Amino acid sequence: MEIAVIIVSILLIVIVLLQSGKAESASIIQGGNSDLFSNRKERGGELFMSRLTMFMGIAFFVICLFMSL
């Protein structure tokens, strides 16, 4: 089980690092608005990466939960 946790955690880290930032151009200096990306919808690759991240996070949580029993 420890090997599964290590593999899932490494994949989760890589997937998160590959995602593009949703607030790349918003900054404090430029007066970035928090509502700037509120109507933005994920499509294609972004949607796949977002769902894969969610799945890997859930898998990590479930594996850790079973290891603690």
N, C-alpha and C. Protein backbone atom coordinates (compact mmCIF):
# COMPACT_ATOMS: atom_id res chain seq x y z
N MET A 1 0.80 -1.19 0.00
CA MET A 1 0.00 0.00 0.00
C MET A 1 0.85 1.26 0.00
N GLU A 2 2.02 1.19 0.65
CA GLU A 2 2.87 2.37 0.68
C GLU A 2 3.35 2.76 -0.71
N ILE A 3 3.58 1.76 -1.54
CA ILE A 3 4.03 2.03 -2.92
C ILE A 3 2.91 2.71 -3.70
N ALA A 4 1.66 2.30 -3.48
CA ALA A 4 0.53 2.94 -4.15
C ALA A 4 0.41 4.40 -3.74
N VAL A 5 0.62 4.70 -2.46
CA VAL A 5 0.55 6.08 -1.99
C VAL A 5 1.65 6.92 -2.62
N ILE A 6 2.84 6.36 -2.72
CA ILE A 6 3.95 7.08 -3.32
C ILE A 6 3.68 7.37 -4.79
N ILE A 7 3.19 6.37 -5.52
CA ILE A 7 2.90 6.55 -6.95
C ILE A 7 1.80 7.58 -7.16
N VAL A 8 0.72 7.46 -6.39
CA VAL A 8 -0.39 8.41 -6.54
C VAL A 8 0.04 9.82 -6.16
N SER A 9 0.83 9.96 -5.11
CA SER A 9 1.26 11.30 -4.70
C SER A 9 2.19 11.94 -5.72
N ILE A 10 3.09 11.16 -6.31
CA ILE A 10 3.97 11.71 -7.35
C ILE A 10 3.17 12.11 -8.57
N LEU A 11 2.22 11.27 -8.99
CA LEU A 11 1.37 11.62 -10.13
C LEU A 11 0.52 12.86 -9.84
N LEU A 12 0.03 12.98 -8.63
CA LEU A 12 -0.77 14.14 -8.25
C LEU A 12 0.06 15.41 -8.28
N ILE A 13 1.28 15.35 -7.81
CA ILE A 13 2.17 16.51 -7.85
C ILE A 13 2.45 16.92 -9.29
N VAL A 14 2.75 15.95 -10.14
CA VAL A 14 3.05 16.24 -11.55
C VAL A 14 1.84 16.85 -12.25
N ILE A 15 0.66 16.30 -12.01
CA ILE A 15 -0.55 16.80 -12.65
C ILE A 15 -0.85 18.23 -12.21
N VAL A 16 -0.69 18.52 -10.93
CA VAL A 16 -0.94 19.87 -10.44
C VAL A 16 0.06 20.85 -11.05
N LEU A 17 1.30 20.45 -11.17
CA LEU A 17 2.31 21.34 -11.75
C LEU A 17 2.09 21.57 -13.25
N LEU A 18 1.47 20.62 -13.93
CA LEU A 18 1.22 20.78 -15.37
C LEU A 18 0.02 21.67 -15.66
N GLN A 19 -0.84 21.89 -14.68
CA GLN A 19 -2.01 22.73 -14.92
C GLN A 19 -1.60 24.18 -15.06
N SER A 20 -2.33 24.88 -15.92
CA SER A 20 -2.07 26.31 -16.06
C SER A 20 -2.79 27.06 -14.96
N GLY A 21 -2.19 28.16 -14.53
CA GLY A 21 -2.80 28.96 -13.48
C GLY A 21 -4.03 29.68 -13.98
N LYS A 22 -5.07 29.73 -13.15
CA LYS A 22 -6.30 30.40 -13.57
C LYS A 22 -6.20 31.90 -13.40
N ALA A 23 -5.25 32.38 -12.61
CA ALA A 23 -5.12 33.80 -12.38
C ALA A 23 -3.71 34.25 -12.76
N GLU A 24 -3.25 33.85 -13.93
CA GLU A 24 -1.89 34.17 -14.36
C GLU A 24 -1.69 35.67 -14.53
N SER A 25 -2.67 36.36 -15.13
CA SER A 25 -2.49 37.77 -15.41
C SER A 25 -3.03 38.68 -14.32
N ALA A 26 -3.75 38.13 -13.37
CA ALA A 26 -4.29 38.95 -12.29
C ALA A 26 -3.24 39.10 -11.20
N SER A 27 -2.94 40.34 -10.86
CA SER A 27 -1.97 40.57 -9.80
C SER A 27 -2.40 41.77 -8.97
N ILE A 28 -1.77 41.91 -7.83
CA ILE A 28 -2.11 43.00 -6.93
C ILE A 28 -1.66 44.33 -7.52
N ILE A 29 -0.51 44.34 -8.17
CA ILE A 29 0.03 45.58 -8.74
C ILE A 29 -0.89 46.12 -9.83
N GLN A 30 -1.44 45.23 -10.64
CA GLN A 30 -2.31 45.66 -11.73
C GLN A 30 -3.75 45.81 -11.28
N GLY A 31 -4.04 45.55 -10.02
CA GLY A 31 -5.40 45.65 -9.52
C GLY A 31 -6.27 44.52 -10.01
N GLY A 32 -5.75 43.31 -9.96
CA GLY A 32 -6.48 42.14 -10.46
C GLY A 32 -7.81 41.96 -9.75
N ASN A 33 -8.83 41.68 -10.52
CA ASN A 33 -10.17 41.52 -10.00
C ASN A 33 -10.43 40.04 -9.73
N SER A 34 -11.02 39.73 -8.59
CA SER A 34 -11.28 38.33 -8.26
C SER A 34 -12.37 37.74 -9.14
N ASP A 35 -13.22 38.58 -9.72
CA ASP A 35 -14.28 38.11 -10.61
C ASP A 35 -13.83 37.97 -12.05
N LEU A 36 -12.55 38.15 -12.30
CA LEU A 36 -12.03 38.15 -13.67
C LEU A 36 -12.25 36.83 -14.37
N PHE A 37 -12.07 35.72 -13.65
CA PHE A 37 -12.18 34.40 -14.26
C PHE A 37 -13.42 33.65 -13.79
N SER A 38 -14.41 34.35 -13.26
CA SER A 38 -15.57 33.67 -12.71
C SER A 38 -16.44 33.03 -13.79
N ASN A 39 -16.46 33.59 -14.99
CA ASN A 39 -17.29 33.04 -16.07
C ASN A 39 -16.50 32.16 -17.03
N ARG A 40 -15.26 31.88 -16.70
CA ARG A 40 -14.41 31.07 -17.57
C ARG A 40 -14.74 29.60 -17.40
N LYS A 41 -14.95 28.90 -18.51
CA LYS A 41 -15.25 27.47 -18.46
C LYS A 41 -14.06 26.68 -18.98
N GLU A 42 -13.82 25.55 -18.34
CA GLU A 42 -12.73 24.68 -18.78
C GLU A 42 -13.20 23.86 -19.95
N ARG A 43 -12.33 23.71 -20.93
CA ARG A 43 -12.65 22.90 -22.10
C ARG A 43 -11.43 22.09 -22.51
N GLY A 44 -11.68 20.97 -23.13
CA GLY A 44 -10.62 20.16 -23.71
C GLY A 44 -9.63 19.66 -22.68
N GLY A 45 -8.37 20.03 -22.91
CA GLY A 45 -7.29 19.56 -22.05
C GLY A 45 -7.39 20.04 -20.63
N GLU A 46 -7.85 21.29 -20.45
CA GLU A 46 -8.00 21.82 -19.09
C GLU A 46 -9.04 21.04 -18.30
N LEU A 47 -10.14 20.70 -18.95
CA LEU A 47 -11.19 19.93 -18.29
C LEU A 47 -10.68 18.54 -17.91
N PHE A 48 -9.94 17.91 -18.82
CA PHE A 48 -9.37 16.59 -18.55
C PHE A 48 -8.40 16.64 -17.37
N MET A 49 -7.52 17.65 -17.36
CA MET A 49 -6.54 17.77 -16.28
C MET A 49 -7.22 18.06 -14.95
N SER A 50 -8.26 18.86 -14.98
CA SER A 50 -9.00 19.17 -13.76
C SER A 50 -9.68 17.93 -13.19
N ARG A 51 -10.31 17.16 -14.05
CA ARG A 51 -10.98 15.94 -13.59
C ARG A 51 -9.97 14.88 -13.16
N LEU A 52 -8.84 14.80 -13.84
CA LEU A 52 -7.81 13.85 -13.45
C LEU A 52 -7.22 14.22 -12.09
N THR A 53 -7.05 15.51 -11.85
CA THR A 53 -6.56 15.97 -10.55
C THR A 53 -7.55 15.61 -9.45
N MET A 54 -8.83 15.82 -9.72
CA MET A 54 -9.85 15.48 -8.74
C MET A 54 -9.85 13.97 -8.46
N PHE A 55 -9.77 13.16 -9.50
CA PHE A 55 -9.75 11.71 -9.33
C PHE A 55 -8.52 11.26 -8.54
N MET A 56 -7.36 11.81 -8.86
CA MET A 56 -6.13 11.43 -8.16
C MET A 56 -6.18 11.88 -6.70
N GLY A 57 -6.76 13.03 -6.42
CA GLY A 57 -6.91 13.48 -5.04
C GLY A 57 -7.81 12.56 -4.24
N ILE A 58 -8.92 12.15 -4.85
CA ILE A 58 -9.83 11.22 -4.18
C ILE A 58 -9.15 9.88 -3.96
N ALA A 59 -8.42 9.40 -4.97
CA ALA A 59 -7.70 8.14 -4.83
C ALA A 59 -6.67 8.21 -3.70
N PHE A 60 -5.95 9.33 -3.62
CA PHE A 60 -4.97 9.51 -2.55
C PHE A 60 -5.65 9.48 -1.19
N PHE A 61 -6.77 10.16 -1.07
CA PHE A 61 -7.51 10.19 0.20
C PHE A 61 -8.00 8.80 0.59
N VAL A 62 -8.56 8.06 -0.37
CA VAL A 62 -9.09 6.72 -0.08
C VAL A 62 -7.97 5.76 0.31
N ILE A 63 -6.85 5.83 -0.39
CA ILE A 63 -5.73 4.93 -0.07
C ILE A 63 -5.19 5.24 1.33
N CYS A 64 -5.06 6.52 1.65
CA CYS A 64 -4.59 6.89 2.98
C CYS A 64 -5.59 6.48 4.05
N LEU A 65 -6.87 6.57 3.74
CA LEU A 65 -7.89 6.16 4.69
C LEU A 65 -7.82 4.67 4.97
N PHE A 66 -7.63 3.85 3.93
CA PHE A 66 -7.52 2.41 4.12
C PHE A 66 -6.23 2.03 4.83
N MET A 67 -5.18 2.79 4.62
CA MET A 67 -3.92 2.49 5.30
C MET A 67 -4.01 2.76 6.79
N SER A 68 -4.86 3.71 7.18
CA SER A 68 -4.95 4.05 8.59
C SER A 68 -5.78 3.05 9.39
N LEU A 69 -6.53 2.19 8.70
CA LEU A 69 -7.36 1.20 9.41
C LEU A 69 -6.55 0.04 9.94
